[in-house]
Amino acid sequence: DSDGDGATDLQEFVMGGDPNDPDDTPSPILTSSATEVLLAYTLDPFVAGTARILESPDLSSWSNAVPAQVLQQPQGDLLLIEAHFPVDKPQRFFRLLFEGQ
């Protein structure tokens, strides 16, 4: 975390931010409705890195999350990813795992 904003350099770089600017910290957005949970985030398509969505019922055991639908659309120089999950579990937590290549 070169700029001290709490996000790793890899996370900021893969999501299209500047790891050296604490005011440029892209963050995923999580919203929910009665029927779905939506996790939206941006990726820089020119960066050699990936993001995986993980889920947990208790914050201690994590597994790959499988969305019901994933939409991708250009957003300027970035790619907006929208992962849609049904509301079919009483409680679950999500996190993004960023990996460099």
C-alpha atoms as a PDB file:
ATOM      1  CA  ASP A   1       0.000   0.000   0.000  1.00  0.00           C
ATOM      2  CA  SER A   2       2.341   2.700  -1.283  1.00  0.00           C
ATOM      3  CA  ASP A   3      -0.075   5.587  -0.709  1.00  0.00           C
ATOM      4  CA  GLY A   4      -1.401   4.519   2.713  1.00  0.00           C
ATOM      5  CA  ASP A   5      -5.094   4.418   1.728  1.00  0.00           C
ATOM      6  CA  GLY A   6      -5.748   0.858   2.920  1.00  0.00           C
ATOM      7  CA  ALA A   7      -5.946  -0.781  -0.525  1.00  0.00           C
ATOM      8  CA  THR A   8      -3.075  -2.910  -1.801  1.00  0.00           C
ATOM      9  CA  ASP A   9      -1.097  -1.630  -4.770  1.00  0.00           C
ATOM     10  CA  LEU A  10      -2.201  -4.683  -6.783  1.00  0.00           C
ATOM     11  CA  GLN A  11      -5.876  -4.049  -5.979  1.00  0.00           C
ATOM     12  CA  GLU A  12      -5.659  -0.410  -7.045  1.00  0.00           C
ATOM     13  CA  PHE A  13      -3.661  -1.217 -10.191  1.00  0.00           C
ATOM     14  CA  VAL A  14      -5.971  -4.036 -11.362  1.00  0.00           C
ATOM     15  CA  MET A  15      -9.083  -1.922 -10.676  1.00  0.00           C
ATOM     16  CA  GLY A  16      -7.685   0.995 -12.684  1.00  0.00           C
ATOM     17  CA  GLY A  17      -6.521   3.238  -9.853  1.00  0.00           C
ATOM     18  CA  ASP A  18      -3.182   4.868  -9.094  1.00  0.00           C
ATOM     19  CA  PRO A  19      -1.348   3.037  -6.265  1.00  0.00           C
ATOM     20  CA  ASN A  20       0.629   6.227  -5.541  1.00  0.00           C
ATOM     21  CA  ASP A  21      -2.393   8.543  -5.129  1.00  0.00           C
ATOM     22  CA  PRO A  22      -4.413   8.158  -1.902  1.00  0.00           C
ATOM     23  CA  ASP A  23      -7.311  10.058  -3.506  1.00  0.00           C
ATOM     24  CA  ASP A  24      -7.574   7.536  -6.379  1.00  0.00           C
ATOM     25  CA  THR A  25      -8.784   4.359  -4.682  1.00  0.00           C
ATOM     26  CA  PRO A  26     -11.341   2.358  -6.680  1.00  0.00           C
ATOM     27  CA  SER A  27     -13.719   0.384  -4.493  1.00  0.00           C
ATOM     28  CA  PRO A  28     -16.190  -2.372  -5.276  1.00  0.00           C
ATOM     29  CA  ILE A  29     -19.854  -1.552  -4.727  1.00  0.00           C
ATOM     30  CA  LEU A  30     -22.204  -4.041  -3.084  1.00  0.00           C
ATOM     31  CA  THR A  31     -25.964  -3.505  -3.271  1.00  0.00           C
ATOM     32  CA  SER A  32     -28.919  -5.749  -2.530  1.00  0.00           C
ATOM     33  CA  SER A  33     -32.627  -5.985  -3.155  1.00  0.00           C
ATOM     34  CA  ALA A  34     -35.286  -8.489  -2.183  1.00  0.00           C
ATOM     35  CA  THR A  35     -34.238 -10.783  -5.054  1.00  0.00           C
ATOM     36  CA  GLU A  36     -30.508 -10.278  -5.682  1.00  0.00           C
ATOM     37  CA  VAL A  37     -27.139  -9.110  -4.448  1.00  0.00           C
ATOM     38  CA  LEU A  38     -25.042  -7.124  -6.922  1.00  0.00           C
ATOM     39  CA  LEU A  39     -21.263  -6.777  -6.682  1.00  0.00           C
ATOM     40  CA  ALA A  40     -19.882  -4.219  -9.142  1.00  0.00           C
ATOM     41  CA  TYR A  41     -16.228  -3.346  -9.692  1.00  0.00           C
ATOM     42  CA  THR A  42     -13.926  -2.067 -12.419  1.00  0.00           C
ATOM     43  CA  LEU A  43     -10.935  -3.762 -14.016  1.00  0.00           C
ATOM     44  CA  ASP A  44      -8.231  -2.372 -16.254  1.00  0.00           C
ATOM     45  CA  PRO A  45      -8.307  -4.730 -19.274  1.00  0.00           C
ATOM     46  CA  PHE A  46      -4.667  -3.943 -20.072  1.00  0.00           C
ATOM     47  CA  VAL A  47      -3.286  -5.040 -16.685  1.00  0.00           C
ATOM     48  CA  ALA A  48      -2.061  -8.622 -16.300  1.00  0.00           C
ATOM     49  CA  GLY A  49      -4.063  -9.491 -13.206  1.00  0.00           C
ATOM     50  CA  THR A  50      -7.312 -11.138 -12.255  1.00  0.00           C
ATOM     51  CA  ALA A  51     -10.043 -10.767  -9.670  1.00  0.00           C
ATOM     52  CA  ARG A  52     -12.026 -13.640  -8.188  1.00  0.00           C
ATOM     53  CA  ILE A  53     -15.125 -13.320  -6.045  1.00  0.00           C
ATOM     54  CA  LEU A  54     -15.134 -15.384  -2.869  1.00  0.00           C
ATOM     55  CA  GLU A  55     -18.013 -15.974  -0.460  1.00  0.00           C
ATOM     56  CA  SER A  56     -18.285 -17.102   3.139  1.00  0.00           C
ATOM     57  CA  PRO A  57     -21.144 -17.836   5.525  1.00  0.00           C
ATOM     58  CA  ASP A  58     -19.035 -16.976   8.586  1.00  0.00           C
ATOM     59  CA  LEU A  59     -15.903 -14.986   7.543  1.00  0.00           C
ATOM     60  CA  SER A  60     -13.644 -17.937   8.368  1.00  0.00           C
ATOM     61  CA  SER A  61     -14.110 -20.384   5.475  1.00  0.00           C
ATOM     62  CA  TRP A  62     -14.073 -18.988   1.928  1.00  0.00           C
ATOM     63  CA  SER A  63     -14.970 -20.557  -1.416  1.00  0.00           C
ATOM     64  CA  ASN A  64     -15.359 -19.370  -4.993  1.00  0.00           C
ATOM     65  CA  ALA A  65     -18.649 -17.570  -5.502  1.00  0.00           C
ATOM     66  CA  VAL A  66     -20.650 -18.454  -8.595  1.00  0.00           C
ATOM     67  CA  PRO A  67     -22.858 -15.588  -9.774  1.00  0.00           C
ATOM     68  CA  ALA A  68     -26.129 -16.276 -11.555  1.00  0.00           C
ATOM     69  CA  GLN A  69     -25.171 -13.650 -14.140  1.00  0.00           C
ATOM     70  CA  VAL A  70     -22.083 -11.580 -14.957  1.00  0.00           C
ATOM     71  CA  LEU A  71     -22.327  -8.477 -17.118  1.00  0.00           C
ATOM     72  CA  GLN A  72     -19.326  -6.629 -18.559  1.00  0.00           C
ATOM     73  CA  GLN A  73     -19.400  -3.233 -20.191  1.00  0.00           C
ATOM     74  CA  PRO A  74     -16.817  -0.584 -21.086  1.00  0.00           C
ATOM     75  CA  GLN A  75     -16.547   2.344 -18.690  1.00  0.00           C
ATOM     76  CA  GLY A  76     -14.036   4.741 -20.205  1.00  0.00           C
ATOM     77  CA  ASP A  77     -10.679   2.931 -20.314  1.00  0.00           C
ATOM     78  CA  LEU A  78     -11.901   0.371 -17.777  1.00  0.00           C
ATOM     79  CA  LEU A  79     -14.236  -2.599 -17.827  1.00  0.00           C
ATOM     80  CA  LEU A  80     -17.213  -2.535 -15.435  1.00  0.00           C
ATOM     81  CA  ILE A  81     -18.007  -5.994 -14.056  1.00  0.00           C
ATOM     82  CA  GLU A  82     -21.423  -6.631 -12.483  1.00  0.00           C
ATOM     83  CA  ALA A  83     -21.839  -9.972 -10.718  1.00  0.00           C
ATOM     84  CA  HIS A  84     -25.445 -10.819  -9.819  1.00  0.00           C
ATOM     85  CA  PHE A  85     -26.184 -13.324  -7.047  1.00  0.00           C
ATOM     86  CA  PRO A  86     -29.640 -14.589  -6.046  1.00  0.00           C
ATOM     87  CA  VAL A  87     -30.792 -14.015  -2.486  1.00  0.00           C
ATOM     88  CA  ASP A  88     -30.896 -17.714  -1.685  1.00  0.00           C
ATOM     89  CA  LYS A  89     -28.844 -17.955   1.513  1.00  0.00           C
ATOM     90  CA  PRO A  90     -29.650 -16.506   4.929  1.00  0.00           C
ATOM     91  CA  GLN A  91     -26.284 -14.791   5.234  1.00  0.00           C
ATOM     92  CA  ARG A  92     -23.088 -14.582   3.211  1.00  0.00           C
ATOM     93  CA  PHE A  93     -20.099 -12.327   2.928  1.00  0.00           C
ATOM     94  CA  PHE A  94     -18.214 -11.459  -0.265  1.00  0.00           C
ATOM     95  CA  ARG A  95     -14.660 -10.415  -0.989  1.00  0.00           C
ATOM     96  CA  LEU A  96     -12.570  -9.847  -4.097  1.00  0.00           C
ATOM     97  CA  LEU A  97      -9.271 -11.665  -4.375  1.00  0.00           C
ATOM     98  CA  PHE A  98      -6.776  -9.975  -6.700  1.00  0.00           C
ATOM     99  CA  GLU A  99      -3.953 -11.958  -8.250  1.00  0.00           C
ATOM    100  CA  GLY A 100      -1.116 -10.635 -10.389  1.00  0.00           C
ATOM    101  CA  GLN A 101       0.220 -12.536 -13.356  1.00  0.00           C
END
